[in-house]
Structures are given as structure tokens and as C-alpha cells.
Amino acid sequence: MAAKKRAAGGAKRAAKKGGAKKTAAKRGGAKRGATKRAASGGGAPRAPRPAAQAAAPQRQARAMQRTTRQSPYKMRLVIDEIRGKDVNAALNYLAFSKKHAAKQIEKVLRSAVANAEAHARSDNESLDVDTLFVKHAIVNEGPKLKRFTPAAMGRATPIQKRTSHVEIIVAARQGVAR
């Protein structure tokens, strides 16, 4: 009797496998669509874009500050205001801003300008600081400092003190200073 049950179970499994093959065949339509796209070709491979000014690459300098004790949300409110501006205009904005983040970002921007001057000096090139602008300015999230504060009935509530990584890249504008 046990042999009959095993045989019946084997037949059921074989039927299930056959059913699985049918669903796999139904799913094969995605593969056929992929071959149609591949067969169409899409045209000749694209030629590389010519460099706008291959003779004079744009000089740039970078500065970073890691684990700044301010939340990235608050830092981004300030850094969005200086992105793309000339360095002098950005420093002017940061100097008169009431936000605490402005002081930290000002330090990073001044460091980036100093790095640009140092690179120019080491390469024996001339650099006019008035032609520099903020090419790239981002704030990323740093590690969270995890703390606890007392709560009612002997409990503890977690607190996350957020930190930020600030990165600023300055570059010399081609042409006249704005």
C-alpha cells in the first residue's frame, strides 16, 4: 500500500513538473522580445564626442570636511544657495548668513580656494582667484552618533545625532570673470 502511495505521489510530482514547463514556455516571450531588439541592431556604434577644449583642460581643486556636526538637511539648505556661483559671491553670501552651517561651508570653500592656489603654484601657472566658481558642491550623510535620553516609566528613547560630509570643487571659468 505504501508503494502505491509513493507511485501516486511521483505521478503528481511529474504532473507538476510538466505544468512548470508550460509556465516557463509562457515566460519565454520575454526572451523572444530581447532577441528582436538585438536583431534590430539599433544602428552603428556612436562616435566619441569631441572634447570642447582638449588643449586647455579646466583646472579644478577639491576640499572636503568629514563628520561635520550638523544634519545634512540643514547643510543642504545653505550649500544649494552657493552652487554655481563665483567664489567671491559665495563667500559673501556665507559671511552674512545666519545659519550655523554657513560657517562650516565657508571653511571648506576657503580651503578649496587655497588648494587651487597651491596647485597653480606647484605647477608654475598663474591663477586669478576672481575667475574661480563653485563647480560642484554636495553634502552627504556621515555616521550617526547614537545616544539615549531618559523617558517616562524608566524607558530610554534613542536619539540620532546626524553628521555630514561636505565636498566642494572649485574650477576656473573659461573667459572673463563674472
N, C-alpha and C. Protein backbone atom coordinates (compact mmCIF):
# COMPACT_ATOMS: atom_id res chain seq x y z
N MET A 1 0.81 -1.18 0.00
CA MET A 1 0.00 0.00 0.00
C MET A 1 0.86 1.25 0.00
N ALA A 2 1.94 1.20 0.76
CA ALA A 2 2.85 2.34 0.80
C ALA A 2 3.48 2.58 -0.55
N ALA A 3 3.70 1.47 -1.32
CA ALA A 3 4.30 1.60 -2.65
C ALA A 3 3.35 2.33 -3.59
N LYS A 4 2.04 2.04 -3.46
CA LYS A 4 1.05 2.70 -4.32
C LYS A 4 1.01 4.21 -4.03
N LYS A 5 1.08 4.56 -2.74
CA LYS A 5 1.07 5.98 -2.39
C LYS A 5 2.29 6.69 -2.96
N ARG A 6 3.46 6.02 -2.87
CA ARG A 6 4.68 6.63 -3.42
C ARG A 6 4.56 6.81 -4.92
N ALA A 7 4.01 5.82 -5.62
CA ALA A 7 3.87 5.91 -7.07
C ALA A 7 2.90 7.02 -7.44
N ALA A 8 1.79 7.11 -6.67
CA ALA A 8 0.82 8.17 -6.94
C ALA A 8 1.43 9.54 -6.69
N GLY A 9 2.22 9.64 -5.63
CA GLY A 9 2.90 10.91 -5.33
C GLY A 9 3.89 11.28 -6.42
N GLY A 10 4.58 10.27 -6.97
CA GLY A 10 5.54 10.52 -8.05
C GLY A 10 4.84 11.02 -9.30
N ALA A 11 3.64 10.47 -9.58
CA ALA A 11 2.88 10.91 -10.75
C ALA A 11 2.43 12.36 -10.57
N LYS A 12 2.03 12.69 -9.36
CA LYS A 12 1.61 14.07 -9.09
C LYS A 12 2.79 15.02 -9.28
N ARG A 13 3.96 14.61 -8.80
CA ARG A 13 5.14 15.47 -8.96
C ARG A 13 5.50 15.65 -10.42
N ALA A 14 5.39 14.58 -11.20
CA ALA A 14 5.69 14.66 -12.63
C ALA A 14 4.70 15.60 -13.32
N ALA A 15 3.42 15.54 -12.90
CA ALA A 15 2.43 16.44 -13.48
C ALA A 15 2.75 17.88 -13.13
N LYS A 16 3.20 18.08 -11.91
CA LYS A 16 3.56 19.44 -11.50
C LYS A 16 4.74 19.96 -12.31
N LYS A 17 5.72 19.08 -12.54
CA LYS A 17 6.89 19.50 -13.32
C LYS A 17 6.48 19.87 -14.74
N GLY A 18 5.58 19.08 -15.31
CA GLY A 18 5.10 19.39 -16.66
C GLY A 18 4.40 20.73 -16.69
N GLY A 19 3.63 21.02 -15.64
CA GLY A 19 2.95 22.31 -15.54
C GLY A 19 3.95 23.44 -15.41
N ALA A 20 5.04 23.17 -14.71
CA ALA A 20 6.07 24.19 -14.56
C ALA A 20 6.74 24.49 -15.89
N LYS A 21 6.86 23.43 -16.74
CA LYS A 21 7.46 23.65 -18.06
C LYS A 21 6.58 24.54 -18.92
N LYS A 22 5.25 24.37 -18.79
CA LYS A 22 4.35 25.20 -19.58
C LYS A 22 4.47 26.66 -19.17
N THR A 23 4.57 26.93 -17.87
CA THR A 23 4.70 28.32 -17.45
C THR A 23 6.03 28.91 -17.87
N ALA A 24 7.06 28.06 -17.89
CA ALA A 24 8.35 28.56 -18.37
C ALA A 24 8.27 28.89 -19.84
N ALA A 25 7.52 28.09 -20.61
CA ALA A 25 7.36 28.37 -22.03
C ALA A 25 6.58 29.66 -22.24
N LYS A 26 5.60 29.88 -21.36
CA LYS A 26 4.85 31.13 -21.46
C LYS A 26 5.74 32.32 -21.16
N ARG A 27 6.64 32.16 -20.22
CA ARG A 27 7.56 33.25 -19.88
C ARG A 27 8.60 33.48 -20.97
N GLY A 28 8.76 32.55 -21.88
CA GLY A 28 9.76 32.67 -22.94
C GLY A 28 9.53 33.85 -23.85
N GLY A 29 8.33 34.47 -23.81
CA GLY A 29 8.04 35.63 -24.65
C GLY A 29 9.00 36.78 -24.37
N ALA A 30 9.45 36.91 -23.13
CA ALA A 30 10.39 37.98 -22.80
C ALA A 30 11.70 37.76 -23.52
N LYS A 31 12.10 36.50 -23.63
CA LYS A 31 13.36 36.21 -24.33
C LYS A 31 13.24 36.53 -25.81
N ARG A 32 12.06 36.19 -26.39
CA ARG A 32 11.87 36.47 -27.81
C ARG A 32 11.94 37.97 -28.08
N GLY A 33 11.36 38.77 -27.19
CA GLY A 33 11.40 40.22 -27.37
C GLY A 33 12.83 40.75 -27.30
N ALA A 34 13.62 40.11 -26.45
CA ALA A 34 15.01 40.54 -26.32
C ALA A 34 15.78 40.26 -27.61
N THR A 35 15.48 39.09 -28.25
CA THR A 35 16.18 38.78 -29.49
C THR A 35 15.73 39.70 -30.60
N LYS A 36 14.46 40.14 -30.58
CA LYS A 36 14.00 41.08 -31.60
C LYS A 36 14.75 42.40 -31.48
N ARG A 37 14.92 42.84 -30.24
CA ARG A 37 15.67 44.10 -30.05
C ARG A 37 17.11 43.95 -30.50
N ALA A 38 17.71 42.81 -30.18
CA ALA A 38 19.10 42.61 -30.56
C ALA A 38 19.23 42.51 -32.07
N ALA A 39 18.23 41.90 -32.73
CA ALA A 39 18.30 41.73 -34.17
C ALA A 39 18.14 43.06 -34.89
N SER A 40 17.36 43.98 -34.29
CA SER A 40 17.16 45.26 -34.96
C SER A 40 18.45 46.06 -35.03
N GLY A 41 19.38 45.80 -34.12
CA GLY A 41 20.70 46.41 -34.21
C GLY A 41 20.79 47.75 -33.54
N GLY A 42 19.92 48.66 -33.85
CA GLY A 42 19.99 49.96 -33.22
C GLY A 42 20.95 50.90 -33.92
N GLY A 43 21.50 50.53 -35.06
CA GLY A 43 22.37 51.42 -35.80
C GLY A 43 23.84 51.19 -35.49
N ALA A 44 24.67 52.00 -36.09
CA ALA A 44 26.11 51.88 -35.91
C ALA A 44 26.50 52.40 -34.53
N PRO A 45 27.63 51.94 -34.00
CA PRO A 45 28.07 52.45 -32.70
C PRO A 45 28.38 53.94 -32.79
N ARG A 46 28.10 54.63 -31.70
CA ARG A 46 28.28 56.08 -31.69
C ARG A 46 29.76 56.44 -31.66
N ALA A 47 30.05 57.51 -32.35
CA ALA A 47 31.42 58.02 -32.33
C ALA A 47 31.63 58.79 -31.04
N PRO A 48 32.84 58.76 -30.49
CA PRO A 48 33.08 59.52 -29.25
C PRO A 48 32.92 61.02 -29.51
N ARG A 49 32.39 61.69 -28.50
CA ARG A 49 32.18 63.14 -28.63
C ARG A 49 33.52 63.85 -28.62
N PRO A 50 33.67 64.86 -29.48
CA PRO A 50 34.93 65.61 -29.47
C PRO A 50 35.00 66.49 -28.22
N ALA A 51 36.17 66.59 -27.66
CA ALA A 51 36.37 67.43 -26.48
C ALA A 51 36.24 68.89 -26.89
N ALA A 52 35.56 69.67 -26.06
CA ALA A 52 35.33 71.08 -26.38
C ALA A 52 36.65 71.84 -26.44
N GLN A 53 37.46 71.67 -25.41
CA GLN A 53 38.75 72.33 -25.40
C GLN A 53 39.79 71.33 -24.90
N ALA A 54 40.27 70.52 -25.79
CA ALA A 54 41.24 69.49 -25.41
C ALA A 54 42.59 70.13 -25.10
N ALA A 55 42.87 71.29 -25.68
CA ALA A 55 44.17 71.92 -25.48
C ALA A 55 44.31 72.46 -24.06
N ALA A 56 43.23 73.03 -23.50
CA ALA A 56 43.30 73.64 -22.18
C ALA A 56 42.28 72.99 -21.25
N PRO A 57 42.66 71.93 -20.53
CA PRO A 57 41.71 71.31 -19.61
C PRO A 57 41.39 72.25 -18.45
N GLN A 58 40.19 72.13 -17.94
CA GLN A 58 39.75 73.03 -16.87
C GLN A 58 40.44 72.65 -15.56
N ARG A 59 41.08 73.64 -14.94
CA ARG A 59 41.76 73.42 -13.66
C ARG A 59 40.73 73.42 -12.56
N GLN A 60 40.84 72.47 -11.64
CA GLN A 60 39.91 72.44 -10.52
C GLN A 60 40.62 71.93 -9.27
N ALA A 61 40.07 72.31 -8.13
CA ALA A 61 40.62 71.90 -6.85
C ALA A 61 39.46 71.49 -5.94
N ARG A 62 39.75 70.57 -5.05
CA ARG A 62 38.70 69.99 -4.20
C ARG A 62 39.07 70.13 -2.74
N ALA A 63 38.03 70.28 -1.91
CA ALA A 63 38.22 70.28 -0.46
C ALA A 63 37.05 69.53 0.16
N MET A 64 37.33 68.79 1.22
CA MET A 64 36.30 68.02 1.91
C MET A 64 36.40 68.24 3.41
N GLN A 65 35.25 68.20 4.06
CA GLN A 65 35.21 68.18 5.51
C GLN A 65 34.30 67.03 5.89
N ARG A 66 34.83 66.12 6.69
CA ARG A 66 34.07 64.94 7.05
C ARG A 66 33.58 65.04 8.49
N THR A 67 32.47 64.39 8.75
CA THR A 67 31.82 64.31 10.06
C THR A 67 31.60 65.68 10.70
N THR A 68 31.03 66.59 9.93
CA THR A 68 30.63 67.90 10.46
C THR A 68 29.42 67.69 11.36
N ARG A 69 29.41 68.29 12.53
CA ARG A 69 28.32 68.07 13.49
C ARG A 69 27.11 68.93 13.18
N GLN A 70 26.50 68.66 12.04
CA GLN A 70 25.26 69.32 11.64
C GLN A 70 24.54 68.35 10.72
N SER A 71 23.22 68.36 10.78
CA SER A 71 22.47 67.41 9.95
C SER A 71 22.59 67.77 8.48
N PRO A 72 22.61 66.77 7.60
CA PRO A 72 22.75 67.05 6.17
C PRO A 72 21.60 67.90 5.62
N TYR A 73 20.40 67.73 6.18
CA TYR A 73 19.25 68.50 5.71
C TYR A 73 19.51 70.00 5.89
N LYS A 74 20.01 70.38 7.04
CA LYS A 74 20.28 71.80 7.33
C LYS A 74 21.46 72.32 6.50
N MET A 75 22.45 71.46 6.27
CA MET A 75 23.61 71.87 5.48
C MET A 75 23.22 72.09 4.01
N ARG A 76 22.34 71.23 3.51
CA ARG A 76 21.95 71.34 2.09
C ARG A 76 21.18 72.62 1.81
N LEU A 77 20.47 73.14 2.80
CA LEU A 77 19.76 74.41 2.60
C LEU A 77 20.73 75.52 2.24
N VAL A 78 21.91 75.48 2.82
CA VAL A 78 22.92 76.53 2.57
C VAL A 78 23.71 76.22 1.31
N ILE A 79 24.11 74.96 1.13
CA ILE A 79 25.00 74.63 0.01
C ILE A 79 24.29 74.77 -1.33
N ASP A 80 22.96 74.61 -1.33
CA ASP A 80 22.21 74.80 -2.57
C ASP A 80 22.27 76.26 -3.04
N GLU A 81 22.46 77.18 -2.11
CA GLU A 81 22.50 78.60 -2.46
C GLU A 81 23.81 79.01 -3.13
N ILE A 82 24.90 78.29 -2.87
CA ILE A 82 26.19 78.73 -3.41
C ILE A 82 26.62 77.94 -4.64
N ARG A 83 25.93 76.84 -4.93
CA ARG A 83 26.32 76.00 -6.07
C ARG A 83 26.24 76.79 -7.37
N GLY A 84 27.33 76.81 -8.13
CA GLY A 84 27.37 77.51 -9.42
C GLY A 84 27.76 78.97 -9.34
N LYS A 85 27.84 79.54 -8.15
CA LYS A 85 28.19 80.96 -8.01
C LYS A 85 29.70 81.15 -8.07
N ASP A 86 30.11 82.40 -8.32
CA ASP A 86 31.52 82.74 -8.23
C ASP A 86 31.96 82.63 -6.77
N VAL A 87 33.23 82.38 -6.57
CA VAL A 87 33.74 82.17 -5.22
C VAL A 87 33.53 83.41 -4.36
N ASN A 88 33.77 84.60 -4.91
CA ASN A 88 33.60 85.82 -4.13
C ASN A 88 32.14 86.02 -3.71
N ALA A 89 31.22 85.75 -4.63
CA ALA A 89 29.80 85.89 -4.31
C ALA A 89 29.38 84.86 -3.27
N ALA A 90 29.91 83.64 -3.39
CA ALA A 90 29.57 82.58 -2.43
C ALA A 90 30.11 82.91 -1.04
N LEU A 91 31.35 83.39 -0.97
CA LEU A 91 31.93 83.75 0.33
C LEU A 91 31.17 84.91 0.95
N ASN A 92 30.72 85.85 0.13
CA ASN A 92 29.94 86.98 0.62
C ASN A 92 28.61 86.49 1.19
N TYR A 93 27.95 85.58 0.49
CA TYR A 93 26.69 85.03 0.97
C TYR A 93 26.89 84.29 2.29
N LEU A 94 27.94 83.48 2.37
CA LEU A 94 28.18 82.68 3.58
C LEU A 94 28.56 83.56 4.77
N ALA A 95 29.27 84.65 4.51
CA ALA A 95 29.70 85.52 5.61
C ALA A 95 28.52 86.19 6.30
N PHE A 96 27.46 86.49 5.54
CA PHE A 96 26.32 87.20 6.11
C PHE A 96 25.12 86.30 6.39
N SER A 97 25.29 85.01 6.23
CA SER A 97 24.19 84.09 6.50
C SER A 97 24.07 83.85 8.01
N LYS A 98 22.84 83.69 8.49
CA LYS A 98 22.61 83.46 9.92
C LYS A 98 22.73 81.99 10.28
N LYS A 99 22.79 81.12 9.31
CA LYS A 99 22.80 79.68 9.56
C LYS A 99 24.16 79.24 10.11
N HIS A 100 24.11 78.28 11.04
CA HIS A 100 25.34 77.72 11.60
C HIS A 100 26.12 76.95 10.53
N ALA A 101 25.41 76.33 9.61
CA ALA A 101 26.05 75.55 8.55
C ALA A 101 26.91 76.43 7.65
N ALA A 102 26.58 77.71 7.54
CA ALA A 102 27.32 78.61 6.66
C ALA A 102 28.78 78.74 7.09
N LYS A 103 29.03 78.71 8.40
CA LYS A 103 30.41 78.82 8.89
C LYS A 103 31.23 77.60 8.48
N GLN A 104 30.63 76.42 8.60
CA GLN A 104 31.34 75.20 8.23
C GLN A 104 31.60 75.15 6.72
N ILE A 105 30.61 75.54 5.94
CA ILE A 105 30.76 75.50 4.49
C ILE A 105 31.76 76.56 4.03
N GLU A 106 31.79 77.69 4.71
CA GLU A 106 32.77 78.74 4.38
C GLU A 106 34.20 78.24 4.57
N LYS A 107 34.43 77.50 5.63
CA LYS A 107 35.76 76.92 5.86
C LYS A 107 36.17 76.00 4.73
N VAL A 108 35.24 75.16 4.27
CA VAL A 108 35.55 74.22 3.20
C VAL A 108 35.81 74.97 1.90
N LEU A 109 35.02 76.00 1.63
CA LEU A 109 35.19 76.77 0.40
C LEU A 109 36.54 77.50 0.39
N ARG A 110 36.90 78.09 1.53
CA ARG A 110 38.21 78.75 1.61
C ARG A 110 39.35 77.75 1.42
N SER A 111 39.17 76.55 1.94
CA SER A 111 40.18 75.50 1.77
C SER A 111 40.31 75.10 0.31
N ALA A 112 39.18 75.00 -0.40
CA ALA A 112 39.21 74.65 -1.82
C ALA A 112 39.94 75.72 -2.64
N VAL A 113 39.69 76.98 -2.30
CA VAL A 113 40.38 78.08 -3.00
C VAL A 113 41.87 78.02 -2.72
N ALA A 114 42.24 77.76 -1.47
CA ALA A 114 43.66 77.64 -1.12
C ALA A 114 44.30 76.46 -1.84
N ASN A 115 43.57 75.36 -1.98
CA ASN A 115 44.09 74.21 -2.71
C ASN A 115 44.30 74.54 -4.18
N ALA A 116 43.39 75.33 -4.76
CA ALA A 116 43.55 75.73 -6.16
C ALA A 116 44.80 76.60 -6.33
N GLU A 117 45.01 77.51 -5.40
CA GLU A 117 46.22 78.35 -5.46
C GLU A 117 47.47 77.51 -5.30
N ALA A 118 47.45 76.55 -4.40
CA ALA A 118 48.62 75.69 -4.17
C ALA A 118 48.93 74.84 -5.40
N HIS A 119 47.88 74.31 -6.06
CA HIS A 119 48.10 73.52 -7.28
C HIS A 119 48.70 74.38 -8.38
N ALA A 120 48.19 75.61 -8.51
CA ALA A 120 48.71 76.51 -9.54
C ALA A 120 50.17 76.87 -9.26
N ARG A 121 50.47 77.09 -7.98
CA ARG A 121 51.84 77.44 -7.60
C ARG A 121 52.79 76.27 -7.85
N SER A 122 52.33 75.04 -7.55
CA SER A 122 53.21 73.88 -7.74
C SER A 122 53.42 73.57 -9.21
N ASP A 123 52.42 73.88 -10.06
CA ASP A 123 52.55 73.65 -11.50
C ASP A 123 53.15 74.85 -12.22
N ASN A 124 53.51 75.90 -11.47
CA ASN A 124 54.13 77.11 -12.01
C ASN A 124 53.20 77.77 -13.04
N GLU A 125 51.93 77.86 -12.70
CA GLU A 125 50.95 78.50 -13.56
C GLU A 125 50.36 79.70 -12.83
N SER A 126 49.75 80.60 -13.61
CA SER A 126 49.09 81.75 -12.99
C SER A 126 47.61 81.40 -12.77
N LEU A 127 47.06 81.90 -11.66
CA LEU A 127 45.66 81.65 -11.35
C LEU A 127 45.06 82.93 -10.79
N ASP A 128 43.99 83.38 -11.41
CA ASP A 128 43.26 84.53 -10.90
C ASP A 128 42.11 83.99 -10.06
N VAL A 129 42.10 84.30 -8.77
CA VAL A 129 41.08 83.78 -7.86
C VAL A 129 39.70 84.30 -8.23
N ASP A 130 39.64 85.46 -8.89
CA ASP A 130 38.34 86.03 -9.28
C ASP A 130 37.66 85.21 -10.37
N THR A 131 38.40 84.34 -11.07
CA THR A 131 37.78 83.51 -12.12
C THR A 131 37.25 82.19 -11.57
N LEU A 132 37.50 81.91 -10.30
CA LEU A 132 37.04 80.64 -9.72
C LEU A 132 35.53 80.68 -9.44
N PHE A 133 34.89 79.53 -9.64
CA PHE A 133 33.48 79.39 -9.29
C PHE A 133 33.26 78.02 -8.66
N VAL A 134 32.15 77.88 -7.97
CA VAL A 134 31.82 76.63 -7.29
C VAL A 134 31.23 75.68 -8.33
N LYS A 135 32.04 74.74 -8.77
CA LYS A 135 31.62 73.82 -9.83
C LYS A 135 30.76 72.70 -9.28
N HIS A 136 31.12 72.18 -8.11
CA HIS A 136 30.45 71.01 -7.54
C HIS A 136 30.41 71.20 -6.04
N ALA A 137 29.23 71.14 -5.46
CA ALA A 137 29.10 71.30 -4.01
C ALA A 137 28.00 70.37 -3.52
N ILE A 138 28.38 69.38 -2.71
CA ILE A 138 27.38 68.44 -2.21
C ILE A 138 27.59 68.20 -0.72
N VAL A 139 26.52 67.75 -0.09
CA VAL A 139 26.57 67.35 1.32
C VAL A 139 26.04 65.93 1.39
N ASN A 140 26.85 65.02 1.88
CA ASN A 140 26.43 63.63 2.07
C ASN A 140 26.25 63.36 3.55
N GLU A 141 25.54 62.29 3.83
CA GLU A 141 25.30 61.92 5.22
C GLU A 141 26.51 61.21 5.80
N GLY A 142 26.92 61.62 6.99
CA GLY A 142 28.02 60.98 7.69
C GLY A 142 27.50 59.97 8.70
N PRO A 143 28.37 59.43 9.52
CA PRO A 143 27.92 58.47 10.53
C PRO A 143 27.06 59.15 11.59
N LYS A 144 26.07 58.42 12.09
CA LYS A 144 25.19 58.97 13.12
C LYS A 144 25.76 58.64 14.49
N LEU A 145 25.71 59.62 15.38
CA LEU A 145 26.09 59.37 16.76
C LEU A 145 24.83 58.93 17.49
N LYS A 146 24.85 57.73 18.04
CA LYS A 146 23.63 57.18 18.65
C LYS A 146 23.69 57.35 20.16
N ARG A 147 22.71 58.05 20.68
CA ARG A 147 22.62 58.35 22.11
C ARG A 147 21.23 57.97 22.62
N PHE A 148 21.07 57.98 23.93
CA PHE A 148 19.77 57.69 24.55
C PHE A 148 19.44 58.77 25.55
N THR A 149 18.16 59.08 25.66
CA THR A 149 17.69 60.04 26.64
C THR A 149 16.63 59.36 27.51
N PRO A 150 16.56 59.71 28.77
CA PRO A 150 15.56 59.08 29.63
C PRO A 150 14.14 59.43 29.20
N ALA A 151 13.24 58.47 29.34
CA ALA A 151 11.84 58.67 29.02
C ALA A 151 10.99 58.24 30.21
N ALA A 152 9.69 58.35 30.09
CA ALA A 152 8.79 58.04 31.20
C ALA A 152 8.84 56.56 31.58
N MET A 153 8.57 56.28 32.83
CA MET A 153 8.46 54.92 33.38
C MET A 153 9.74 54.10 33.17
N GLY A 154 10.89 54.73 33.31
CA GLY A 154 12.16 54.01 33.27
C GLY A 154 12.62 53.61 31.89
N ARG A 155 11.96 54.07 30.87
CA ARG A 155 12.36 53.72 29.50
C ARG A 155 13.47 54.66 29.02
N ALA A 156 14.04 54.28 27.86
CA ALA A 156 15.05 55.12 27.22
C ALA A 156 14.64 55.33 25.76
N THR A 157 14.75 56.55 25.29
CA THR A 157 14.39 56.88 23.91
C THR A 157 15.68 57.13 23.12
N PRO A 158 15.83 56.49 21.95
CA PRO A 158 17.05 56.71 21.17
C PRO A 158 17.06 58.09 20.51
N ILE A 159 18.25 58.65 20.40
CA ILE A 159 18.47 59.93 19.71
C ILE A 159 19.57 59.69 18.69
N GLN A 160 19.37 60.18 17.48
CA GLN A 160 20.40 60.08 16.45
C GLN A 160 20.94 61.48 16.18
N LYS A 161 22.19 61.68 16.51
CA LYS A 161 22.84 62.96 16.21
C LYS A 161 23.53 62.81 14.86
N ARG A 162 22.98 63.49 13.87
CA ARG A 162 23.44 63.29 12.50
C ARG A 162 24.68 64.13 12.19
N THR A 163 25.53 63.59 11.31
CA THR A 163 26.73 64.30 10.86
C THR A 163 26.71 64.38 9.34
N SER A 164 27.57 65.22 8.79
CA SER A 164 27.59 65.46 7.35
C SER A 164 29.00 65.40 6.81
N HIS A 165 29.11 65.04 5.53
CA HIS A 165 30.36 65.16 4.78
C HIS A 165 30.13 66.24 3.72
N VAL A 166 30.95 67.28 3.74
CA VAL A 166 30.82 68.39 2.78
C VAL A 166 31.95 68.27 1.76
N GLU A 167 31.60 68.36 0.48
CA GLU A 167 32.60 68.31 -0.59
C GLU A 167 32.34 69.47 -1.55
N ILE A 168 33.39 70.26 -1.79
CA ILE A 168 33.28 71.41 -2.71
C ILE A 168 34.42 71.33 -3.71
N ILE A 169 34.08 71.51 -5.00
CA ILE A 169 35.09 71.57 -6.06
C ILE A 169 34.97 72.94 -6.71
N VAL A 170 36.08 73.65 -6.78
CA VAL A 170 36.11 74.94 -7.46
C VAL A 170 36.92 74.79 -8.75
N ALA A 171 36.54 75.54 -9.76
CA ALA A 171 37.22 75.49 -11.05
C ALA A 171 37.32 76.89 -11.62
N ALA A 172 38.29 77.08 -12.50
CA ALA A 172 38.48 78.38 -13.13
C ALA A 172 37.54 78.48 -14.32
N ARG A 173 36.81 79.59 -14.40
CA ARG A 173 35.90 79.82 -15.52
C ARG A 173 36.71 80.19 -16.75
N GLN A 174 36.32 79.62 -17.87
CA GLN A 174 36.99 79.98 -19.13
C GLN A 174 36.45 81.34 -19.58
N GLY A 175 37.32 82.24 -19.92
CA GLY A 175 36.89 83.56 -20.38
C GLY A 175 36.96 84.58 -19.28
N VAL A 176 35.99 85.50 -19.28
CA VAL A 176 36.01 86.65 -18.38
C VAL A 176 35.37 86.26 -17.05
N ALA A 177 35.88 86.87 -15.97
CA ALA A 177 35.29 86.65 -14.65
C ALA A 177 33.95 87.36 -14.57
N ARG A 178 32.96 86.69 -13.97
CA ARG A 178 31.62 87.30 -13.87
C ARG A 178 31.50 88.08 -12.61
